[in-house]
Amino acid sequence: MIEVKNLCKSFGEKAVLDNISAKFLKGQTNLIIGQSGSGKTVLLKSIVGLLDITSGEIWYDTLRFDQLNFKEKKAVRRQIGMLFQGSALFDFATVEQNVMFPLEMFSEMNEAECRERANFCLKRVNILNSNDLFPSEISGGMQKRVAIARAIALNPKYLFCDEPNSGLDPRTSILIDNLIQEITEEYQMTTIINTHDMNSVMEIGSNIIFIYEGQKWWEGNKDEIIHADNKELNDFVFASQMARTLKKYVTK
């Protein structure tokens, strides 16, 4: 589990996050949603430690992460998997080499063991017979699955996903959502997903927090969100669904 308590983040005199408290549960798909500029990306980066918080607490299970020194934080980060918005695969490396990269960097496995683990992860995300291909030679959906394989290569306790469905068509997005949910439950990871995709919310939103103007405005699950008595959340849901519908027509 990851927990934030009374978290605040300011850039100079501008307050971006204001007194946010939330729990992100193990074995569940925890979603952070909100409009662009609401602070959800800053929240995600703060939890990972890419940004120093102004005040508050960040807990990884029994460890208070924001008070750890550099070496202690590095040890925690080795238990973190990251899925970036644009997949962030190395163009110069093959599919297999991309997944092997964190193993070679952060584990004590030899080359044969790294390759075996990489192939296990690729098989888990249903990437077969593509080891020697480069990212430019596979589809966007396959790139996301390779990125997931790389993110779980070190068998992390915590998985962070930043807009995992960005640039994908609705059908592929659902496949990626379901894969993230399956892996989260299978490996009992604490998974936090930053998204504005309402299809993702309704598909895998086990635990959802809605950020509005830097504050936690609502918390619940996918079954409760439709009936929520919250004007700002309802406006966000409606706008997101309209944007998704229009995108379908434009891309047809």
Protein backbone atom coordinates (compact mmCIF):
# COMPACT_ATOMS: atom_id res chain seq x y z
CA MET A 1 0.00 0.00 0.00
CA ILE A 2 1.01 3.59 -0.61
CA GLU A 3 -0.47 6.40 1.45
CA VAL A 4 -0.16 10.18 1.24
CA LYS A 5 -1.11 12.38 4.19
CA ASN A 6 -1.86 16.10 3.98
CA LEU A 7 0.38 16.38 0.92
CA CYS A 8 1.07 19.89 -0.38
CA LYS A 9 3.21 20.95 -3.31
CA SER A 10 4.00 24.51 -4.39
CA PHE A 11 6.16 25.97 -7.10
CA GLY A 12 7.29 29.28 -5.68
CA GLU A 13 4.16 31.02 -4.45
CA LYS A 14 1.85 28.91 -6.61
CA ALA A 15 0.16 26.06 -4.71
CA VAL A 16 -0.46 23.11 -7.04
CA LEU A 17 -1.49 20.45 -4.52
CA ASP A 18 -3.40 21.36 -1.37
CA ASN A 19 -3.67 19.01 1.62
CA ILE A 20 -4.26 15.74 -0.25
CA SER A 21 -4.70 12.54 1.73
CA ALA A 22 -5.32 9.21 0.02
CA LYS A 23 -4.60 5.49 0.22
CA PHE A 24 -3.60 3.45 -2.82
CA LEU A 25 -4.36 -0.18 -2.14
CA LYS A 26 -2.33 -3.30 -2.88
CA GLY A 27 -3.71 -5.59 -5.59
CA GLN A 28 -6.07 -2.91 -6.93
CA THR A 29 -5.98 -0.53 -9.86
CA ASN A 30 -5.86 2.88 -8.19
CA LEU A 31 -6.72 5.72 -10.57
CA ILE A 32 -5.96 9.43 -10.32
CA ILE A 33 -8.27 11.40 -12.60
CA GLY A 34 -8.82 15.09 -13.30
CA GLN A 35 -8.68 17.78 -15.95
CA SER A 36 -5.42 18.93 -17.51
CA GLY A 37 -3.76 21.28 -15.05
CA SER A 38 -5.65 19.87 -12.05
CA GLY A 39 -2.46 18.61 -10.41
CA LYS A 40 -2.80 14.86 -11.01
CA THR A 41 0.55 14.57 -12.83
CA VAL A 42 2.29 16.57 -10.09
CA LEU A 43 0.73 14.22 -7.53
CA LEU A 44 2.02 11.15 -9.36
CA LYS A 45 5.52 12.62 -9.72
CA SER A 46 5.52 13.59 -6.05
CA ILE A 47 4.60 10.08 -4.94
CA VAL A 48 7.34 8.56 -7.11
CA GLY A 49 9.84 11.08 -5.78
CA LEU A 50 10.52 12.91 -9.03
CA LEU A 51 9.35 16.06 -7.23
CA ASP A 52 10.08 17.06 -3.64
CA ILE A 53 6.91 17.85 -1.72
CA THR A 54 6.41 21.10 0.18
CA SER A 55 4.80 19.41 3.19
CA GLY A 56 2.96 16.27 4.19
CA GLU A 57 3.89 12.59 4.26
CA ILE A 58 4.36 9.81 1.71
CA TRP A 59 4.33 6.22 2.96
CA TYR A 60 5.35 3.07 1.10
CA ASP A 61 3.91 0.43 3.38
CA THR A 62 5.80 1.06 6.66
CA LEU A 63 8.48 3.36 5.16
CA ARG A 64 8.04 7.12 5.21
CA PHE A 65 9.45 7.78 1.74
CA ASP A 66 9.70 11.58 1.89
CA GLN A 67 12.09 11.39 4.85
CA LEU A 68 14.48 8.81 3.37
CA ASN A 69 17.94 9.81 2.21
CA PHE A 70 19.10 9.35 -1.39
CA LYS A 71 20.48 5.85 -0.85
CA GLU A 72 17.36 4.69 0.98
CA LYS A 73 15.08 6.14 -1.72
CA LYS A 74 17.14 4.37 -4.37
CA ALA A 75 16.47 1.04 -2.64
CA VAL A 76 12.72 1.72 -2.73
CA ARG A 77 12.86 2.78 -6.38
CA ARG A 78 14.27 -0.63 -7.28
CA GLN A 79 10.87 -1.98 -6.25
CA ILE A 80 9.06 0.44 -8.58
CA GLY A 81 7.99 -0.22 -12.17
CA MET A 82 7.17 2.70 -14.46
CA LEU A 83 4.97 2.76 -17.55
CA PHE A 84 5.44 6.09 -19.30
CA GLN A 85 2.94 7.94 -21.46
CA GLY A 86 4.80 7.40 -24.73
CA SER A 87 6.07 3.90 -23.84
CA ALA A 88 9.63 5.38 -23.77
CA LEU A 89 11.21 2.38 -25.47
CA PHE A 90 14.76 2.75 -26.76
CA ASP A 91 14.57 3.11 -30.54
CA PHE A 92 18.08 1.70 -30.99
CA ALA A 93 17.33 -1.48 -29.01
CA THR A 94 15.27 -4.52 -29.93
CA VAL A 95 12.16 -5.61 -28.07
CA GLU A 96 14.17 -8.14 -26.07
CA GLN A 97 16.97 -5.67 -25.32
CA ASN A 98 14.44 -3.11 -24.06
CA VAL A 99 13.03 -5.55 -21.53
CA MET A 100 16.49 -6.76 -20.52
CA PHE A 101 17.71 -3.20 -19.85
CA PRO A 102 16.51 -2.80 -16.20
CA LEU A 103 17.65 -6.34 -15.42
CA GLU A 104 21.15 -5.60 -16.65
CA MET A 105 21.22 -2.28 -14.85
CA PHE A 106 19.72 -3.16 -11.47
CA SER A 107 19.90 -6.92 -10.94
CA GLU A 108 22.76 -9.33 -10.38
CA MET A 109 21.56 -11.75 -13.07
CA ASN A 110 23.95 -12.90 -15.76
CA GLU A 111 23.09 -12.41 -19.43
CA ALA A 112 21.37 -15.77 -19.83
CA GLU A 113 19.22 -15.18 -16.74
CA CYS A 114 18.31 -11.68 -17.93
CA ARG A 115 17.24 -13.06 -21.29
CA GLU A 116 15.18 -15.81 -19.67
CA ARG A 117 13.40 -13.32 -17.40
CA ALA A 118 12.81 -10.91 -20.31
CA ASN A 119 11.26 -13.66 -22.38
CA PHE A 120 9.06 -14.72 -19.47
CA CYS A 121 7.74 -11.14 -19.16
CA LEU A 122 7.22 -10.81 -22.91
CA LYS A 123 5.26 -14.04 -22.95
CA ARG A 124 3.17 -12.80 -20.00
CA VAL A 125 2.06 -9.75 -22.02
CA ASN A 126 1.48 -11.92 -25.11
CA ILE A 127 4.41 -10.66 -27.17
CA LEU A 128 5.66 -13.66 -29.13
CA ASN A 129 8.20 -14.01 -31.93
CA SER A 130 9.06 -10.30 -31.85
CA ASN A 131 12.27 -10.31 -29.82
CA ASP A 132 14.51 -9.08 -32.61
CA LEU A 133 12.17 -6.36 -33.87
CA PHE A 134 12.73 -2.68 -33.11
CA PRO A 135 10.01 -0.43 -31.63
CA SER A 136 9.45 1.25 -35.00
CA GLU A 137 8.56 -2.15 -36.47
CA ILE A 138 5.69 -2.91 -34.08
CA SER A 139 2.31 -1.29 -33.45
CA GLY A 140 1.52 1.24 -30.72
CA GLY A 141 -0.39 -1.38 -28.76
CA MET A 142 2.53 -3.80 -28.95
CA GLN A 143 4.89 -1.04 -27.83
CA LYS A 144 2.72 -0.51 -24.73
CA ARG A 145 2.82 -4.24 -23.96
CA VAL A 146 6.59 -4.31 -24.35
CA ALA A 147 6.77 -1.31 -21.99
CA ILE A 148 4.63 -3.21 -19.47
CA ALA A 149 6.95 -6.22 -19.78
CA ARG A 150 9.91 -3.96 -19.06
CA ALA A 151 8.08 -2.35 -16.12
CA ILE A 152 7.46 -5.72 -14.44
CA ALA A 153 10.87 -7.25 -15.30
CA LEU A 154 12.26 -6.59 -11.82
CA ASN A 155 9.08 -7.97 -10.20
CA PRO A 156 8.16 -4.61 -8.60
CA LYS A 157 5.95 -4.11 -5.56
CA TYR A 158 4.70 -0.80 -6.96
CA LEU A 159 3.66 0.08 -10.51
CA PHE A 160 3.09 3.62 -11.78
CA CYS A 161 1.36 4.24 -15.11
CA ASP A 162 1.20 7.71 -16.68
CA GLU A 163 -1.62 7.91 -19.25
CA PRO A 164 -1.05 4.30 -20.41
CA ASN A 165 -3.68 4.58 -23.16
CA SER A 166 -2.38 7.78 -24.72
CA GLY A 167 -2.45 7.53 -28.51
CA LEU A 168 -4.25 4.19 -28.62
CA ASP A 169 -7.58 3.37 -30.23
CA PRO A 170 -10.46 2.41 -27.88
CA ARG A 171 -10.19 -1.32 -28.55
CA THR A 172 -6.45 -1.48 -27.85
CA SER A 173 -6.94 0.75 -24.81
CA ILE A 174 -9.29 -1.79 -23.26
CA LEU A 175 -6.76 -4.59 -23.88
CA ILE A 176 -4.03 -2.56 -22.14
CA ASP A 177 -6.36 -1.71 -19.24
CA ASN A 178 -7.26 -5.35 -18.74
CA LEU A 179 -3.61 -6.41 -18.94
CA ILE A 180 -2.59 -3.89 -16.26
CA GLN A 181 -5.44 -5.04 -14.04
CA GLU A 182 -4.57 -8.73 -14.52
CA ILE A 183 -0.90 -8.17 -13.71
CA THR A 184 -1.77 -6.02 -10.68
CA GLU A 185 -3.98 -8.74 -9.23
CA GLU A 186 -1.65 -11.59 -10.21
CA TYR A 187 1.46 -10.07 -8.62
CA GLN A 188 -0.43 -8.16 -5.89
CA MET A 189 1.25 -4.88 -6.77
CA THR A 190 0.21 -1.43 -5.64
CA THR A 191 -0.66 0.13 -9.00
CA ILE A 192 -1.34 3.85 -9.47
CA ILE A 193 -2.61 5.05 -12.85
CA ASN A 194 -2.82 8.66 -13.94
CA THR A 195 -5.52 8.93 -16.62
CA HIS A 196 -8.24 11.07 -18.16
CA ASP A 197 -9.74 8.14 -20.10
CA MET A 198 -13.25 7.45 -18.84
CA ASN A 199 -13.24 4.05 -20.53
CA SER A 200 -10.35 3.12 -18.23
CA VAL A 201 -12.22 4.50 -15.24
CA MET A 202 -15.30 2.42 -15.98
CA GLU A 203 -13.30 -0.67 -16.94
CA ILE A 204 -10.74 -0.98 -14.13
CA GLY A 205 -11.43 1.78 -11.57
CA SER A 206 -11.22 -0.22 -8.34
CA ASN A 207 -10.19 2.85 -6.34
CA ILE A 208 -10.46 6.35 -7.84
CA ILE A 209 -9.55 9.81 -6.62
CA PHE A 210 -10.65 12.90 -8.53
CA ILE A 211 -8.35 15.92 -8.32
CA TYR A 212 -9.87 19.36 -8.88
CA GLU A 213 -7.75 22.52 -8.74
CA GLY A 214 -5.12 20.77 -6.64
CA GLN A 215 -7.51 19.26 -4.09
CA LYS A 216 -8.97 15.80 -3.65
CA TRP A 217 -12.57 16.49 -4.64
CA TRP A 218 -14.02 12.98 -4.66
CA GLU A 219 -13.06 9.38 -3.90
CA GLY A 220 -14.83 6.16 -4.78
CA ASN A 221 -14.94 3.32 -7.33
CA LYS A 222 -16.24 2.74 -10.85
CA ASP A 223 -19.69 1.72 -9.61
CA GLU A 224 -20.10 4.85 -7.50
CA ILE A 225 -18.79 7.45 -9.94
CA ILE A 226 -21.87 7.51 -12.19
CA HIS A 227 -24.15 8.31 -9.23
CA ALA A 228 -21.80 10.75 -7.51
CA ASP A 229 -23.39 13.96 -6.26
CA ASN A 230 -20.47 16.16 -7.25
CA LYS A 231 -20.90 18.86 -9.90
CA GLU A 232 -17.22 19.21 -10.86
CA LEU A 233 -16.81 15.43 -11.14
CA ASN A 234 -20.00 15.11 -13.17
CA ASP A 235 -18.84 17.88 -15.53
CA PHE A 236 -15.49 16.10 -15.96
CA VAL A 237 -17.14 12.74 -16.66
CA PHE A 238 -19.55 14.27 -19.19
CA ALA A 239 -16.79 16.21 -20.98
CA SER A 240 -14.54 13.15 -21.09
CA GLN A 241 -17.28 10.95 -22.54
CA MET A 242 -18.14 13.57 -25.17
CA ALA A 243 -14.49 13.91 -26.19
CA ARG A 244 -14.19 10.13 -26.50
CA THR A 245 -17.35 9.92 -28.63
CA LEU A 246 -16.17 12.69 -30.95
CA LYS A 247 -12.79 11.03 -31.34
CA LYS A 248 -14.50 7.83 -32.51
CA TYR A 249 -16.29 9.69 -35.27
CA VAL A 250 -13.22 11.69 -36.31
CA THR A 251 -11.03 8.59 -36.60
CA LYS A 252 -13.56 6.51 -38.52
